[in-house]
Structures are given as structure tokens and as C-alpha cells.
Amino acid sequence: MAEPLRPMPAPALPSQVTLYQDDFARPKFTPRELEQIKDALGRSFTEIVADETSDDRLIVFAFLKLRRQGYAIEVGDFKDVLVEVAGGDREPVDPSSGEPSTS
């Protein structure tokens, strides 16, 4: 008799996620993810992205990037994952605008 199918374990989260300019300029999300963001952080995606004084925007963009990479996570599930903000050509990105920073 065949052994019953067992669900695959969820992949372990990476130790680091890198955000590039394109991640800020062209975010991709589902309505369910927008609800999760609002439930977890108490503000909508639009409110968070428009607030240049809040670090919540980095949490949101890291969450969305990890979800696009296939991790079935909630907003609070990756608090120990290192978030790196880098430009398209390894130039730093200004997280308040998503544009390359000028130095």
C-alpha cells in the first residue's frame, strides 16, 4: 500500500532580504496582503508608503518581497531577517522615495 502524501515543510526564511529600487518603484501585492498589512500595522499600505518618517515602509516592502519569493508568511513572521536596502546597481536607495541617494 502506498504511503500517504505528507505536506512539504515550509522553507526556512532566508537570513537576509535585499530591497532594490524596483521593489519600491513597482510593488506587487494581493488584496489579502493589503489586509494583512493593515491588520498587523494598523494603517493601510498607502498610508505607510506615504509616511516618510516611518520605518514601517521597509517592513512592508520586505514582507512583499518575501511573499513574491514564495514564503507564506505574515507581516510579523520575519522580525529577525536582516533587511538590506540597495540600489539597482548596488547604489544605496533613499527608502523615503525609492530613488538612488545622491552623495
C-alpha atoms as a PDB file:
ATOM      1  CA  MET A   1       0.000   0.000   0.000  1.00  0.00           C
ATOM      2  CA  ALA A   2       1.262   3.467  -0.884  1.00  0.00           C
ATOM      3  CA  GLU A   3       2.351   5.791   1.861  1.00  0.00           C
ATOM      4  CA  PRO A   4       0.010   8.783   2.313  1.00  0.00           C
ATOM      5  CA  LEU A   5       1.186  12.136   0.990  1.00  0.00           C
ATOM      6  CA  ARG A   6       2.608  14.422   3.622  1.00  0.00           C
ATOM      7  CA  PRO A   7       2.668  18.164   3.237  1.00  0.00           C
ATOM      8  CA  MET A   8       6.074  19.627   2.471  1.00  0.00           C
ATOM      9  CA  PRO A   9       7.523  21.650   5.331  1.00  0.00           C
ATOM     10  CA  ALA A  10       7.607  25.391   4.739  1.00  0.00           C
ATOM     11  CA  PRO A  11      11.012  26.584   3.551  1.00  0.00           C
ATOM     12  CA  ALA A  12      13.112  28.275   6.217  1.00  0.00           C
ATOM     13  CA  LEU A  13      13.193  32.032   5.935  1.00  0.00           C
ATOM     14  CA  PRO A  14      16.381  33.495   4.496  1.00  0.00           C
ATOM     15  CA  SER A  15      18.702  35.313   6.887  1.00  0.00           C
ATOM     16  CA  GLN A  16      18.571  38.420   4.680  1.00  0.00           C
ATOM     17  CA  VAL A  17      16.320  40.100   2.115  1.00  0.00           C
ATOM     18  CA  THR A  18      17.684  42.819  -0.194  1.00  0.00           C
ATOM     19  CA  LEU A  19      15.404  45.594  -1.417  1.00  0.00           C
ATOM     20  CA  TYR A  20      16.292  47.263  -4.716  1.00  0.00           C
ATOM     21  CA  GLN A  21      14.957  50.417  -6.334  1.00  0.00           C
ATOM     22  CA  ASP A  22      12.483  48.384  -8.400  1.00  0.00           C
ATOM     23  CA  ASP A  23      10.975  46.889  -5.225  1.00  0.00           C
ATOM     24  CA  PHE A  24       9.976  50.412  -4.124  1.00  0.00           C
ATOM     25  CA  ALA A  25       9.011  51.722  -7.548  1.00  0.00           C
ATOM     26  CA  ARG A  26       6.859  48.764  -8.655  1.00  0.00           C
ATOM     27  CA  PRO A  27       5.417  46.948  -5.635  1.00  0.00           C
ATOM     28  CA  LYS A  28       3.247  43.887  -6.283  1.00  0.00           C
ATOM     29  CA  PHE A  29       0.596  42.812  -3.807  1.00  0.00           C
ATOM     30  CA  THR A  30      -2.656  40.928  -3.394  1.00  0.00           C
ATOM     31  CA  PRO A  31      -5.790  42.203  -1.642  1.00  0.00           C
ATOM     32  CA  ARG A  32      -5.127  39.610   1.091  1.00  0.00           C
ATOM     33  CA  GLU A  33      -1.639  41.040   1.650  1.00  0.00           C
ATOM     34  CA  LEU A  34      -3.076  44.566   1.893  1.00  0.00           C
ATOM     35  CA  GLU A  35      -5.482  43.307   4.577  1.00  0.00           C
ATOM     36  CA  GLN A  36      -2.621  41.608   6.445  1.00  0.00           C
ATOM     37  CA  ILE A  37      -0.587  44.833   6.380  1.00  0.00           C
ATOM     38  CA  LYS A  38      -3.491  46.886   7.728  1.00  0.00           C
ATOM     39  CA  ASP A  39      -4.333  44.296  10.406  1.00  0.00           C
ATOM     40  CA  ALA A  40      -0.712  43.981  11.574  1.00  0.00           C
ATOM     41  CA  LEU A  41       0.383  47.612  11.398  1.00  0.00           C
ATOM     42  CA  GLY A  42      -2.895  49.466  11.914  1.00  0.00           C
ATOM     43  CA  ARG A  43      -2.531  51.547   8.751  1.00  0.00           C
ATOM     44  CA  SER A  44      -3.136  50.931   5.082  1.00  0.00           C
ATOM     45  CA  PHE A  45      -0.367  50.242   2.575  1.00  0.00           C
ATOM     46  CA  THR A  46      -0.974  53.680   1.018  1.00  0.00           C
ATOM     47  CA  GLU A  47      -0.704  55.440   4.385  1.00  0.00           C
ATOM     48  CA  ILE A  48       2.505  53.616   5.266  1.00  0.00           C
ATOM     49  CA  VAL A  49       4.184  54.263   1.910  1.00  0.00           C
ATOM     50  CA  ALA A  50       3.253  57.963   2.035  1.00  0.00           C
ATOM     51  CA  ASP A  51       4.720  58.376   5.545  1.00  0.00           C
ATOM     52  CA  GLU A  52       8.370  59.292   5.008  1.00  0.00           C
ATOM     53  CA  THR A  53       9.061  59.287   8.758  1.00  0.00           C
ATOM     54  CA  SER A  54       8.069  55.655   9.419  1.00  0.00           C
ATOM     55  CA  ASP A  55      10.243  52.574   9.156  1.00  0.00           C
ATOM     56  CA  ASP A  56       7.067  50.517   8.653  1.00  0.00           C
ATOM     57  CA  ARG A  57       7.511  51.065   4.911  1.00  0.00           C
ATOM     58  CA  LEU A  58      10.705  48.965   4.991  1.00  0.00           C
ATOM     59  CA  ILE A  59       8.834  46.209   6.843  1.00  0.00           C
ATOM     60  CA  VAL A  60       6.056  46.301   4.249  1.00  0.00           C
ATOM     61  CA  PHE A  61       8.377  46.160   1.251  1.00  0.00           C
ATOM     62  CA  ALA A  62      10.455  43.346   2.807  1.00  0.00           C
ATOM     63  CA  PHE A  63       7.231  41.441   3.575  1.00  0.00           C
ATOM     64  CA  LEU A  64       6.006  41.825  -0.007  1.00  0.00           C
ATOM     65  CA  LYS A  65       9.376  40.785  -1.462  1.00  0.00           C
ATOM     66  CA  LEU A  66       9.492  37.639   0.688  1.00  0.00           C
ATOM     67  CA  ARG A  67       5.918  36.816  -0.339  1.00  0.00           C
ATOM     68  CA  ARG A  68       6.872  37.230  -4.029  1.00  0.00           C
ATOM     69  CA  GLN A  69       9.760  34.817  -3.371  1.00  0.00           C
ATOM     70  CA  GLY A  70       7.253  32.181  -2.230  1.00  0.00           C
ATOM     71  CA  TYR A  71       7.374  32.441   1.566  1.00  0.00           C
ATOM     72  CA  ALA A  72       3.902  32.055   3.104  1.00  0.00           C
ATOM     73  CA  ILE A  73       4.483  34.489   5.962  1.00  0.00           C
ATOM     74  CA  GLU A  74       2.550  37.054   7.954  1.00  0.00           C
ATOM     75  CA  VAL A  75       3.831  40.590   8.492  1.00  0.00           C
ATOM     76  CA  GLY A  76       5.323  39.775  11.911  1.00  0.00           C
ATOM     77  CA  ASP A  77       6.959  36.475  10.915  1.00  0.00           C
ATOM     78  CA  PHE A  78      10.322  37.821   9.796  1.00  0.00           C
ATOM     79  CA  LYS A  79      11.392  40.195  12.571  1.00  0.00           C
ATOM     80  CA  ASP A  80      14.889  38.683  12.714  1.00  0.00           C
ATOM     81  CA  VAL A  81      15.522  38.709   8.948  1.00  0.00           C
ATOM     82  CA  LEU A  82      18.158  41.304   8.007  1.00  0.00           C
ATOM     83  CA  VAL A  83      16.753  43.875   5.555  1.00  0.00           C
ATOM     84  CA  GLU A  84      19.303  45.439   3.209  1.00  0.00           C
ATOM     85  CA  VAL A  85      18.375  48.477   1.096  1.00  0.00           C
ATOM     86  CA  ALA A  86      20.446  48.613  -2.100  1.00  0.00           C
ATOM     87  CA  GLY A  87      20.152  50.301  -5.479  1.00  0.00           C
ATOM     88  CA  GLY A  88      19.766  48.603  -8.843  1.00  0.00           C
ATOM     89  CA  ASP A  89      23.500  48.878  -9.493  1.00  0.00           C
ATOM     90  CA  ARG A  90      24.429  48.466  -5.856  1.00  0.00           C
ATOM     91  CA  GLU A  91      23.959  52.180  -5.190  1.00  0.00           C
ATOM     92  CA  PRO A  92      22.117  52.961  -1.962  1.00  0.00           C
ATOM     93  CA  VAL A  93      18.421  53.739  -2.222  1.00  0.00           C
ATOM     94  CA  ASP A  94      16.670  56.510  -0.315  1.00  0.00           C
ATOM     95  CA  PRO A  95      13.873  54.460   1.379  1.00  0.00           C
ATOM     96  CA  SER A  96      11.630  57.516   1.625  1.00  0.00           C
ATOM     97  CA  SER A  97      11.463  57.917  -2.149  1.00  0.00           C
ATOM     98  CA  GLY A  98      12.806  54.668  -3.632  1.00  0.00           C
ATOM     99  CA  GLU A  99      15.246  56.740  -5.699  1.00  0.00           C
ATOM    100  CA  PRO A 100      19.034  56.341  -5.688  1.00  0.00           C
ATOM    101  CA  SER A 101      20.523  58.524  -2.982  1.00  0.00           C
ATOM    102  CA  THR A 102      22.897  61.248  -4.020  1.00  0.00           C
ATOM    103  CA  SER A 103      26.153  61.513  -2.181  1.00  0.00           C
END
